[in-house]
Amino acid sequence: MSVRETIFILDFGSQYLQLIARRVREAGVYSRIVPYSIGASELRELSPRGIILSGGPASVHDNSRRNCDPTIFDLDIPVLGICYGMQVIAQIFGGKVSPAKNREYGRATIELTTEGKKSPFFDSTPHVQQVWMSHGDHVTELPKDFDLLAASEGSPICAMQSRTKKLFGLQYHPEVVQSEYGKFVFQNFLHKICECKSEWTMKNFANNAVEQYRNEIGNDQVICGLSGGVDSAVVAAILAKGIGKNLKCILVDNGFLRKNEAETVTKIFNSHFDTELILVNAAEGFLEQLNGITEPQEKRRRIGHHFINVFANTAKKFGGAKFLAQGTIYPDIIESGGSLDKKNNNPAATIKLHHNVGGLPEKLGFKLIEPLRELFKDEVRQLGIELGLTHDFVWRHPFPGPGLAVRCVGEVTKEKLDKLREADAIVIEEITKADLYNDISQAFAVLLPVKSVGVMGDGRTYDDAIAIRCVKTDDFMTADWSSLPDSLLRKISTRIINEIKGINRVLYDISSKPPATIEWE
């Protein structure tokens, strides 16, 4: 999607990287994450309104340190360095960076200097404020022609500003909620220093996307794979507005769907869209693909490849289609080790392949359309509302494309899927009855590859175990586990054990993301 105002975030490996991108977008400005090694000439061609250097785990003194192209500071583009990013700026411009006597992790208090109180960078913020620190090194001598803007007890140089260039540095992390005035700092940088106009809205995105794909696709046909989740539904909504009857939506029943999912999705789809939905029963073929497969990445690869075969064969039935539309979103790309950069030049680690990113074959036979690949999950939901989808539809809990296959840890069999499907239905039914569905971002059951000893009817059992996973998150890049009432957990556990033959133990997953991911595989 063409965007006039863009802030580029150079990735030095910060654990808070996605938060920076989100804070910029929340201020109404589009942000893109790029590798720290991007060249000044390439940045110049991209015409950013501003540049942010992220934090990172390295030290500027390490042999393996990560340095950006120093000539980016000659582009006359505002630059904000955060934590390690500030230290990079300080070192390049002749300042001094030293190991801190005592490392700072957690809350701290900063006080603005006289120059800080005058700087537009700290407009609308008090002279004393709480921030969040996470660093081992800090700047101990200001570069020449830089002013001190703020100091803390542990970091006497906590914020700085160049007198001759639009360069700013912060030792603390304004992107985390613990930095109480962080959002004002971002707004000041974006609006008063970069002079952005806040044109990044989902209304603008929707209008641009509909027009773009109407022009790009013309009279050709598009097939869109529906999974039952909000991402693919929003893609369908964009294309339905843009190309109408030339959109053919396909719901593939791969055997890994939730209980009654095909019927539910069909009903919801028909109430929202005036275009064709084709239901394909391909459960047997998908299960054959996973015969004996236990490795999660290989599961996703095989599922992705087989999806393409099913789509291709289905497309032939109505004269073929040139385009395949998917609900790929930004977190999918990041976790798959990918990038918005066409060269895929991204230092990020591959956390897990998503079947619609790393799981697709190199030769698709279709031109791929991914209208949401720039968006975080919360932005997708805002976009869905903008496109006219109902609140209940937009706020359905996410469901992965590989479905229950990646919630059945280890080898996948029909017997295991049947158990898992029933357990998953009980979880959703009970949290809905407890009026907690909308308070939880994602809830599901996982069948574990272990058996345990139990006692039922005075007899010994040796059966499977189910884990329950309920999380709360805004963007699905980070998440915390939901604290459910004991009475609800007890009811879910009792129902699963009593109603599903072959289950004798239920566990509750209390791990956050990170270090865990939301899905188990």
Protein backbone atom coordinates (compact mmCIF):
# COMPACT_ATOMS: atom_id res chain seq x y z
CA MET A 1 0.00 0.00 0.00
CA SER A 2 1.42 3.40 -0.91
CA VAL A 3 1.96 5.55 2.17
CA ARG A 4 3.19 9.12 2.07
CA GLU A 5 4.46 9.40 5.64
CA THR A 6 6.68 6.59 6.84
CA ILE A 7 8.94 6.21 9.85
CA PHE A 8 11.65 3.59 9.37
CA ILE A 9 12.77 1.66 12.45
CA LEU A 10 16.27 0.20 12.22
CA ASP A 11 16.28 -3.16 13.99
CA PHE A 12 19.26 -3.72 16.28
CA GLY A 13 17.56 -6.70 17.94
CA SER A 14 15.46 -4.96 20.59
CA GLN A 15 13.00 -7.07 22.57
CA TYR A 16 10.68 -4.04 22.38
CA LEU A 17 10.95 -3.62 18.60
CA GLN A 18 7.30 -4.31 17.84
CA LEU A 19 6.21 -1.92 20.58
CA ILE A 20 8.11 0.90 18.89
CA ALA A 21 6.36 0.17 15.60
CA ARG A 22 2.98 0.09 17.33
CA ARG A 23 3.53 3.34 19.23
CA VAL A 24 4.31 5.10 15.97
CA ARG A 25 1.19 3.71 14.29
CA GLU A 26 -0.96 4.57 17.30
CA ALA A 27 0.09 8.18 16.71
CA GLY A 28 -1.34 7.94 13.19
CA VAL A 29 1.93 7.46 11.32
CA TYR A 30 2.93 4.38 9.32
CA SER A 31 6.05 2.56 10.52
CA ARG A 32 8.24 -0.06 8.89
CA ILE A 33 10.92 -2.20 10.46
CA VAL A 34 14.10 -2.61 8.41
CA PRO A 35 17.52 -4.16 9.11
CA TYR A 36 20.02 -1.96 10.95
CA SER A 37 22.43 -2.46 8.03
CA ILE A 38 20.23 -0.67 5.47
CA GLY A 39 22.25 1.84 3.46
CA ALA A 40 21.73 5.59 3.41
CA SER A 41 21.19 5.58 -0.35
CA GLU A 42 18.38 3.02 -0.04
CA LEU A 43 16.78 5.00 2.78
CA ARG A 44 16.97 8.17 0.71
CA GLU A 45 15.04 6.48 -2.10
CA LEU A 46 12.33 5.40 0.38
CA SER A 47 11.84 9.04 1.50
CA PRO A 48 11.23 8.50 5.23
CA ARG A 49 9.88 11.33 7.35
CA GLY A 50 11.94 10.07 10.26
CA ILE A 51 14.22 7.27 11.44
CA ILE A 52 14.28 5.45 14.77
CA LEU A 53 17.27 3.40 15.92
CA SER A 54 16.02 0.62 18.21
CA GLY A 55 17.64 -0.78 21.29
CA GLY A 56 19.51 -4.06 21.19
CA PRO A 57 21.41 -6.65 23.22
CA ALA A 58 24.88 -5.74 21.91
CA SER A 59 27.44 -3.32 23.32
CA VAL A 60 29.05 -0.66 21.14
CA HIS A 61 32.35 -1.99 22.53
CA ASP A 62 31.84 -5.58 21.33
CA ASN A 63 33.63 -6.92 18.29
CA SER A 64 30.24 -8.20 17.12
CA ARG A 65 28.57 -4.81 17.61
CA ARG A 66 25.95 -3.71 15.10
CA ASN A 67 26.59 -0.39 13.42
CA CYS A 68 24.33 1.48 11.07
CA ASP A 69 25.51 3.35 8.00
CA PRO A 70 26.86 6.62 9.53
CA THR A 71 25.94 8.60 6.41
CA ILE A 72 22.23 8.29 7.29
CA PHE A 73 22.87 11.21 9.64
CA ASP A 74 23.72 13.36 6.61
CA LEU A 75 20.29 12.85 4.99
CA ASP A 76 18.74 15.79 6.87
CA ILE A 77 16.08 13.40 8.23
CA PRO A 78 15.17 13.44 11.96
CA VAL A 79 16.64 10.51 13.89
CA LEU A 80 15.72 9.19 17.32
CA GLY A 81 18.02 6.69 19.00
CA ILE A 82 16.58 4.55 21.80
CA CYS A 83 18.93 2.88 24.34
CA TYR A 84 21.53 1.14 22.13
CA GLY A 85 20.42 3.46 19.32
CA MET A 86 21.36 6.48 21.45
CA GLN A 87 24.74 4.92 22.23
CA VAL A 88 25.39 4.40 18.51
CA ILE A 89 24.67 8.09 17.85
CA ALA A 90 26.89 9.16 20.76
CA GLN A 91 29.82 7.07 19.60
CA ILE A 92 29.56 8.13 15.94
CA PHE A 93 29.54 11.81 16.92
CA GLY A 94 32.49 11.61 19.31
CA GLY A 95 30.79 11.06 22.65
CA LYS A 96 31.79 8.41 25.15
CA VAL A 97 29.89 5.23 26.02
CA SER A 98 30.94 3.26 29.11
CA PRO A 99 29.72 0.25 31.07
CA ALA A 100 27.37 1.40 33.82
CA LYS A 101 28.61 0.98 37.38
CA ASN A 102 25.25 -0.56 38.19
CA ARG A 103 23.10 -1.88 35.37
CA GLU A 104 19.63 -0.36 35.22
CA TYR A 105 16.64 -2.65 34.71
CA GLY A 106 13.17 -1.48 35.63
CA ARG A 107 11.58 1.75 36.72
CA ALA A 108 13.60 4.92 37.16
CA THR A 109 12.93 8.63 37.57
CA ILE A 110 14.31 11.23 35.19
CA GLU A 111 14.45 14.99 35.57
CA LEU A 112 14.49 17.37 32.63
CA THR A 113 17.26 19.94 32.39
CA THR A 114 16.71 23.56 31.43
CA GLU A 115 17.36 22.60 27.79
CA GLY A 116 15.02 19.64 28.13
CA LYS A 117 12.19 21.84 29.34
CA LYS A 118 12.66 24.06 26.26
CA SER A 119 12.95 21.23 23.74
CA PRO A 120 9.84 20.38 21.66
CA PHE A 121 10.86 16.77 22.20
CA PHE A 122 9.50 16.89 25.77
CA ASP A 123 6.49 19.14 25.19
CA SER A 124 3.45 18.30 27.37
CA THR A 125 5.54 16.26 29.82
CA PRO A 126 6.47 17.18 33.42
CA HIS A 127 10.04 17.98 34.42
CA VAL A 128 10.10 14.86 36.64
CA GLN A 129 8.70 11.62 35.22
CA GLN A 130 8.86 7.85 35.59
CA VAL A 131 10.53 5.81 32.83
CA TRP A 132 11.62 2.23 32.13
CA MET A 133 15.32 1.36 31.85
CA SER A 134 16.99 -1.75 30.43
CA HIS A 135 20.70 -1.28 29.75
CA GLY A 136 24.25 -2.16 30.79
CA ASP A 137 26.14 0.63 28.99
CA HIS A 138 25.33 4.33 29.03
CA VAL A 139 26.60 7.58 27.60
CA THR A 140 29.12 9.22 29.94
CA GLU A 141 30.27 12.12 27.74
CA LEU A 142 28.04 14.09 25.39
CA PRO A 143 29.12 14.36 21.75
CA LYS A 144 30.27 17.79 20.63
CA ASP A 145 27.38 20.18 19.87
CA PHE A 146 24.85 18.07 21.80
CA ASP A 147 22.73 19.32 24.71
CA LEU A 148 21.73 17.35 27.79
CA LEU A 149 17.92 17.10 28.00
CA ALA A 150 17.36 14.77 30.97
CA ALA A 151 19.20 12.83 33.65
CA SER A 152 18.48 10.01 36.09
CA GLU A 153 20.36 8.79 39.12
CA GLY A 154 21.87 5.89 37.20
CA SER A 155 22.21 7.67 33.83
CA PRO A 156 23.46 11.27 34.17
CA ILE A 157 23.04 11.56 30.37
CA CYS A 158 19.58 10.09 29.87
CA ALA A 159 18.40 12.21 26.93
CA MET A 160 20.30 14.35 24.45
CA GLN A 161 19.74 16.51 21.39
CA SER A 162 22.04 17.83 18.67
CA ARG A 163 22.26 21.61 18.26
CA THR A 164 22.98 21.38 14.52
CA LYS A 165 20.99 18.35 13.35
CA LYS A 166 17.60 16.83 14.17
CA LEU A 167 19.20 14.04 16.22
CA PHE A 168 17.81 12.86 19.54
CA GLY A 169 18.76 10.12 21.96
CA LEU A 170 16.98 8.45 24.88
CA GLN A 171 18.63 6.00 27.27
CA TYR A 172 15.24 4.78 28.49
CA HIS A 173 12.44 3.02 26.58
CA PRO A 174 9.50 5.33 25.81
CA GLU A 175 7.70 2.54 23.95
CA VAL A 176 6.81 0.52 27.07
CA VAL A 177 3.76 1.44 29.17
CA GLN A 178 5.92 1.83 32.29
CA SER A 179 7.37 5.01 30.74
CA GLU A 180 4.38 7.09 31.74
CA TYR A 181 4.85 9.91 29.21
CA GLY A 182 6.32 7.79 26.43
CA LYS A 183 3.40 8.31 24.06
CA PHE A 184 3.84 12.08 24.30
CA VAL A 185 7.52 11.72 23.44
CA PHE A 186 6.61 9.74 20.32
CA GLN A 187 3.92 12.22 19.36
CA ASN A 188 6.35 15.12 19.77
CA PHE A 189 9.00 13.41 17.66
CA LEU A 190 6.53 12.46 14.93
CA HIS A 191 4.43 15.62 14.74
CA LYS A 192 6.67 18.47 15.93
CA ILE A 193 10.04 17.25 14.70
CA CYS A 194 9.25 14.98 11.72
CA GLU A 195 6.19 17.13 10.86
CA CYS A 196 3.96 14.12 10.14
CA LYS A 197 0.21 14.71 9.69
CA SER A 198 -1.23 11.46 11.07
CA GLU A 199 -2.57 10.11 7.78
CA TRP A 200 -2.28 6.46 8.84
CA THR A 201 -5.86 5.45 9.61
CA MET A 202 -7.77 2.29 8.84
CA LYS A 203 -10.32 4.32 6.91
CA ASN A 204 -7.59 5.57 4.57
CA PHE A 205 -6.07 2.10 4.40
CA ALA A 206 -9.42 0.53 3.48
CA ASN A 207 -10.10 3.06 0.71
CA ASN A 208 -6.59 2.71 -0.71
CA ALA A 209 -6.67 -1.10 -0.56
CA VAL A 210 -10.03 -1.41 -2.31
CA GLU A 211 -8.93 0.96 -5.07
CA GLN A 212 -5.51 -0.66 -5.46
CA TYR A 213 -6.83 -4.19 -5.92
CA ARG A 214 -9.67 -3.05 -8.18
CA ASN A 215 -7.05 -1.56 -10.50
CA GLU A 216 -4.50 -4.36 -10.12
CA ILE A 217 -6.89 -7.29 -10.65
CA GLY A 218 -9.24 -5.82 -13.23
CA ASN A 219 -11.53 -8.54 -14.61
CA ASP A 220 -9.39 -11.47 -13.49
CA GLN A 221 -10.56 -13.92 -10.86
CA VAL A 222 -9.20 -14.25 -7.32
CA ILE A 223 -9.52 -17.17 -4.97
CA CYS A 224 -9.38 -16.40 -1.27
CA GLY A 225 -8.71 -19.08 1.30
CA LEU A 226 -10.93 -18.69 4.35
CA SER A 227 -9.91 -20.20 7.68
CA GLY A 228 -12.77 -18.95 9.85
CA GLY A 229 -10.56 -16.29 11.44
CA VAL A 230 -10.78 -12.52 11.19
CA ASP A 231 -7.71 -12.09 8.97
CA SER A 232 -9.00 -14.01 5.96
CA ALA A 233 -12.48 -12.52 6.48
CA VAL A 234 -11.12 -8.97 6.29
CA VAL A 235 -9.19 -9.86 3.12
CA ALA A 236 -12.44 -11.15 1.62
CA ALA A 237 -14.21 -7.93 2.63
CA ILE A 238 -11.58 -5.79 0.88
CA LEU A 239 -11.73 -7.82 -2.32
CA ALA A 240 -15.51 -8.12 -2.30
CA LYS A 241 -15.71 -4.33 -2.35
CA GLY A 242 -13.04 -4.07 -5.01
CA ILE A 243 -13.84 -6.83 -7.51
CA GLY A 244 -17.26 -8.18 -6.49
CA LYS A 245 -18.28 -11.42 -8.22
CA ASN A 246 -14.74 -12.07 -9.47
CA LEU A 247 -13.86 -13.11 -5.93
CA LYS A 248 -14.26 -16.83 -5.20
CA CYS A 249 -13.83 -17.75 -1.54
CA ILE A 250 -12.77 -21.26 -0.66
CA LEU A 251 -13.18 -22.84 2.76
CA VAL A 252 -11.07 -25.96 2.89
CA ASP A 253 -12.19 -28.48 5.48
CA ASN A 254 -8.76 -29.95 6.08
CA GLY A 255 -9.94 -32.09 8.98
CA PHE A 256 -8.23 -29.73 11.41
CA LEU A 257 -11.15 -27.34 11.93
CA ARG A 258 -12.92 -26.68 15.22
CA LYS A 259 -16.18 -28.44 16.02
CA ASN A 260 -18.93 -27.34 13.60
CA GLU A 261 -16.55 -24.74 12.16
CA ALA A 262 -17.47 -25.26 8.51
CA GLU A 263 -21.16 -24.70 9.24
CA THR A 264 -20.42 -21.66 11.43
CA VAL A 265 -18.15 -19.99 8.90
CA THR A 266 -20.59 -20.63 6.06
CA LYS A 267 -23.42 -19.03 8.03
CA ILE A 268 -21.33 -16.00 8.98
CA PHE A 269 -19.99 -15.61 5.45
CA ASN A 270 -23.41 -15.70 3.81
CA SER A 271 -24.66 -13.02 6.20
CA HIS A 272 -21.80 -10.64 5.30
CA PHE A 273 -20.83 -11.23 1.67
CA ASP A 274 -22.58 -11.28 -1.67
CA THR A 275 -20.05 -13.53 -3.34
CA GLU A 276 -19.52 -17.25 -3.81
CA LEU A 277 -18.23 -19.53 -1.07
CA ILE A 278 -16.98 -22.97 -2.08
CA LEU A 279 -16.66 -25.63 0.63
CA VAL A 280 -14.05 -28.29 -0.13
CA ASN A 281 -13.81 -31.46 1.95
CA ALA A 282 -10.15 -32.48 1.82
CA ALA A 283 -9.65 -33.94 5.29
CA GLU A 284 -8.39 -37.33 4.13
CA GLY A 285 -5.68 -35.86 1.90
CA PHE A 286 -4.33 -33.53 4.59
CA LEU A 287 -4.20 -36.28 7.17
CA GLU A 288 -2.21 -38.45 4.75
CA GLN A 289 0.30 -35.62 4.33
CA LEU A 290 0.98 -35.65 8.09
CA ASN A 291 1.25 -39.39 8.50
CA GLY A 292 4.16 -40.03 10.88
CA ILE A 293 5.18 -36.34 10.97
CA THR A 294 5.93 -34.88 14.41
CA GLU A 295 8.17 -31.86 13.71
CA PRO A 296 6.12 -28.62 13.84
CA GLN A 297 7.89 -26.81 10.99
CA GLU A 298 7.48 -29.80 8.70
CA LYS A 299 3.77 -29.98 9.59
CA ARG A 300 3.34 -26.37 8.53
CA ARG A 301 5.31 -26.86 5.30
CA ARG A 302 3.26 -29.89 4.27
CA ILE A 303 -0.03 -28.21 5.11
CA GLY A 304 0.95 -25.08 3.16
CA HIS A 305 1.96 -27.09 0.10
CA HIS A 306 -1.19 -29.19 0.14
CA PHE A 307 -3.39 -26.09 0.51
CA ILE A 308 -1.98 -24.80 -2.78
CA ASN A 309 -2.78 -28.09 -4.53
CA VAL A 310 -6.36 -27.97 -3.23
CA PHE A 311 -6.76 -24.33 -4.28
CA ALA A 312 -5.35 -25.03 -7.74
CA ASN A 313 -7.63 -27.99 -8.35
CA THR A 314 -10.67 -26.08 -7.11
CA ALA A 315 -9.83 -23.03 -9.23
CA LYS A 316 -9.91 -25.16 -12.38
CA LYS A 317 -13.58 -25.90 -11.78
CA PHE A 318 -14.57 -22.32 -12.50
CA GLY A 319 -12.16 -21.50 -15.30
CA GLY A 320 -8.98 -20.86 -13.35
CA ALA A 321 -7.80 -17.88 -11.35
CA LYS A 322 -4.65 -15.80 -11.60
CA PHE A 323 -4.58 -14.57 -8.00
CA LEU A 324 -4.52 -16.22 -4.58
CA ALA A 325 -5.49 -13.99 -1.62
CA GLN A 326 -4.37 -14.75 1.93
CA GLY A 327 -4.83 -13.27 5.38
CA THR A 328 -1.11 -12.96 6.14
CA ILE A 329 -0.45 -10.28 8.78
CA TYR A 330 2.74 -8.60 10.00
CA PRO A 331 3.30 -10.89 13.04
CA ASP A 332 3.13 -13.93 10.70
CA ILE A 333 5.97 -12.48 8.64
CA ILE A 334 8.07 -11.52 11.65
CA GLU A 335 7.74 -14.91 13.38
CA SER A 336 8.57 -16.68 10.12
CA GLY A 337 11.83 -14.73 9.93
CA GLY A 338 10.60 -12.68 6.98
CA SER A 339 10.43 -9.00 6.18
CA LEU A 340 8.34 -6.46 4.34
CA ASP A 341 11.57 -5.83 2.44
CA LYS A 342 11.24 -7.49 -0.99
CA LYS A 343 14.79 -8.81 -0.59
CA ASN A 344 13.73 -10.40 2.70
CA ASN A 345 16.84 -8.87 4.26
CA ASN A 346 15.87 -9.29 7.88
CA PRO A 347 18.10 -10.26 10.83
CA ALA A 348 15.12 -11.58 12.81
CA ALA A 349 15.17 -15.20 13.93
CA THR A 350 12.60 -17.65 12.63
CA ILE A 351 10.36 -18.43 15.61
CA LYS A 352 7.98 -20.65 13.67
CA LEU A 353 6.94 -20.93 10.06
CA HIS A 354 3.40 -19.88 9.28
CA HIS A 355 1.88 -22.16 6.67
CA ASN A 356 0.97 -19.11 4.59
CA VAL A 357 4.49 -17.63 4.74
CA GLY A 358 7.33 -20.15 5.01
CA GLY A 359 5.09 -23.11 4.25
CA LEU A 360 4.21 -22.21 0.65
CA PRO A 361 6.00 -23.79 -2.31
CA GLU A 362 8.30 -21.54 -4.36
CA LYS A 363 6.22 -22.03 -7.50
CA LEU A 364 2.64 -21.22 -6.56
CA GLY A 365 0.93 -21.07 -9.90
CA PHE A 366 -0.83 -17.94 -8.62
CA LYS A 367 0.09 -14.33 -8.06
CA LEU A 368 -0.08 -13.85 -4.31
CA ILE A 369 -2.22 -11.06 -2.80
CA GLU A 370 -1.72 -10.24 0.88
CA PRO A 371 -3.56 -7.00 1.69
CA LEU A 372 -2.88 -7.25 5.45
CA ARG A 373 0.82 -8.08 5.49
CA GLU A 374 1.63 -4.60 6.85
CA LEU A 375 -0.87 -4.75 9.72
CA PHE A 376 -0.86 -5.88 13.33
CA LYS A 377 -3.82 -7.86 14.62
CA ASP A 378 -5.51 -4.93 16.35
CA GLU A 379 -5.25 -2.91 13.12
CA VAL A 380 -6.86 -5.78 11.20
CA ARG A 381 -9.82 -5.70 13.56
CA GLN A 382 -10.17 -1.93 13.24
CA LEU A 383 -10.08 -2.40 9.47
CA GLY A 384 -12.80 -5.06 9.66
CA ILE A 385 -15.10 -2.67 11.51
CA GLU A 386 -14.31 0.03 8.94
CA LEU A 387 -15.31 -2.39 6.16
CA GLY A 388 -18.67 -3.10 7.78
CA LEU A 389 -18.06 -6.45 9.48
CA THR A 390 -19.93 -6.92 12.74
CA HIS A 391 -18.24 -6.68 16.13
CA ASP A 392 -18.90 -10.34 16.97
CA PHE A 393 -17.35 -11.47 13.69
CA VAL A 394 -14.30 -9.21 13.98
CA TRP A 395 -13.61 -10.22 17.58
CA ARG A 396 -13.80 -13.98 17.04
CA HIS A 397 -10.77 -15.62 18.58
CA PRO A 398 -8.00 -16.28 16.05
CA PHE A 399 -7.65 -19.74 14.61
CA PRO A 400 -4.41 -20.80 12.88
CA GLY A 401 -4.50 -21.90 9.24
CA PRO A 402 -3.05 -25.34 10.13
CA GLY A 403 -5.81 -25.55 12.72
CA LEU A 404 -5.86 -28.37 15.25
CA ALA A 405 -2.84 -29.96 13.57
CA VAL A 406 -0.57 -27.56 15.47
CA ARG A 407 -2.55 -27.99 18.67
CA CYS A 408 -2.12 -31.76 18.52
CA VAL A 409 1.50 -31.87 19.66
CA GLY A 410 3.47 -34.64 18.00
CA GLU A 411 1.97 -37.04 15.47
CA VAL A 412 -1.51 -36.19 14.20
CA THR A 413 -4.17 -38.90 13.93
CA LYS A 414 -7.93 -38.80 13.45
CA GLU A 415 -8.48 -40.27 16.91
CA LYS A 416 -6.37 -37.53 18.53
CA LEU A 417 -8.08 -34.81 16.50
CA ASP A 418 -11.52 -36.05 17.58
CA LYS A 419 -10.52 -35.85 21.26
CA LEU A 420 -8.95 -32.43 20.83
CA ARG A 421 -11.93 -31.07 18.90
CA GLU A 422 -14.32 -32.00 21.70
CA ALA A 423 -12.03 -30.58 24.39
CA ASP A 424 -11.63 -27.33 22.47
CA ALA A 425 -15.41 -26.99 22.11
CA ILE A 426 -15.86 -27.42 25.87
CA VAL A 427 -13.30 -24.68 26.59
CA ILE A 428 -15.02 -22.19 24.29
CA GLU A 429 -18.50 -23.13 25.51
CA GLU A 430 -17.60 -22.66 29.18
CA ILE A 431 -15.73 -19.36 28.87
CA THR A 432 -18.65 -18.07 26.79
CA LYS A 433 -21.15 -19.15 29.45
CA ALA A 434 -18.99 -17.38 32.04
CA ASP A 435 -19.20 -14.19 29.93
CA LEU A 436 -15.39 -14.13 29.57
CA TYR A 437 -15.05 -14.76 25.84
CA ASN A 438 -14.53 -11.07 25.00
CA ASP A 439 -12.11 -10.62 27.92
CA ILE A 440 -9.82 -13.32 26.53
CA SER A 441 -7.91 -12.74 23.30
CA GLN A 442 -7.47 -16.41 22.45
CA ALA A 443 -8.59 -19.62 24.15
CA PHE A 444 -8.09 -23.21 23.08
CA ALA A 445 -7.13 -26.74 24.08
CA VAL A 446 -3.92 -28.59 23.24
CA LEU A 447 -3.52 -32.38 23.17
CA LEU A 448 -0.15 -33.27 24.69
CA PRO A 449 2.07 -36.13 23.46
CA VAL A 450 2.17 -37.72 26.92
CA LYS A 451 0.09 -40.22 28.85
CA SER A 452 -0.32 -40.33 32.60
CA VAL A 453 -1.69 -42.70 35.20
CA GLY A 454 -5.12 -41.96 36.61
CA VAL A 455 -7.94 -43.58 38.55
CA MET A 456 -11.50 -43.87 37.25
CA GLY A 457 -14.21 -46.06 38.72
CA ASP A 458 -11.70 -47.60 41.14
CA GLY A 459 -9.64 -48.73 38.16
CA ARG A 460 -6.27 -47.66 36.77
CA THR A 461 -6.13 -45.56 33.59
CA TYR A 462 -3.21 -44.57 31.42
CA ASP A 463 -4.61 -41.85 29.18
CA ASP A 464 -3.89 -38.57 27.39
CA ALA A 465 -3.47 -35.11 28.87
CA ILE A 466 -5.06 -31.85 27.69
CA ALA A 467 -3.59 -28.39 28.25
CA ILE A 468 -5.80 -25.30 28.29
CA ARG A 469 -4.36 -22.05 26.91
CA CYS A 470 -6.07 -18.67 27.46
CA VAL A 471 -4.18 -15.44 26.80
CA LYS A 472 -4.74 -11.70 26.79
CA THR A 473 -2.95 -9.53 24.23
CA ASP A 474 -3.34 -6.41 22.10
CA ASP A 475 -1.11 -7.25 19.15
CA PHE A 476 -0.34 -11.01 19.45
CA MET A 477 3.39 -10.19 19.41
CA THR A 478 3.42 -10.33 23.20
CA ALA A 479 0.81 -11.93 25.46
CA ASP A 480 0.10 -12.82 29.06
CA TRP A 481 -1.91 -15.75 30.34
CA SER A 482 -5.44 -15.08 31.53
CA SER A 483 -6.22 -15.68 35.18
CA LEU A 484 -9.51 -17.62 35.09
CA PRO A 485 -11.69 -18.23 38.16
CA ASP A 486 -10.93 -21.50 39.95
CA SER A 487 -14.56 -22.54 39.61
CA LEU A 488 -14.40 -22.16 35.82
CA LEU A 489 -11.18 -24.13 35.51
CA ARG A 490 -12.64 -26.85 37.71
CA LYS A 491 -15.76 -27.05 35.54
CA ILE A 492 -13.77 -27.22 32.30
CA SER A 493 -11.50 -29.92 33.71
CA THR A 494 -14.40 -31.99 35.02
CA ARG A 495 -16.29 -31.83 31.73
CA ILE A 496 -13.28 -32.75 29.60
CA ILE A 497 -12.35 -35.75 31.75
CA ASN A 498 -15.93 -36.97 32.14
CA GLU A 499 -17.13 -36.41 28.58
CA ILE A 500 -14.09 -37.37 26.48
CA LYS A 501 -12.96 -40.95 26.61
CA GLY A 502 -9.19 -41.32 26.83
CA ILE A 503 -8.45 -38.10 28.76
CA ASN A 504 -7.61 -38.30 32.46
CA ARG A 505 -5.62 -35.13 33.12
CA VAL A 506 -6.13 -31.39 32.39
CA LEU A 507 -3.48 -28.71 32.85
CA TYR A 508 -3.57 -24.90 32.58
CA ASP A 509 -0.77 -23.12 30.69
CA ILE A 510 0.50 -20.11 32.69
CA SER A 511 3.39 -19.06 30.43
CA SER A 512 3.55 -15.65 28.77
CA LYS A 513 4.78 -14.70 25.29
CA PRO A 514 7.74 -14.43 25.34
CA PRO A 515 9.28 -16.80 26.34
CA ALA A 516 6.52 -19.09 25.05
CA THR A 517 4.52 -18.53 21.88
CA ILE A 518 0.73 -18.45 21.99
CA GLU A 519 0.33 -21.66 20.00
CA TRP A 520 2.28 -24.69 21.17
CA GLU A 521 3.61 -25.53 17.71
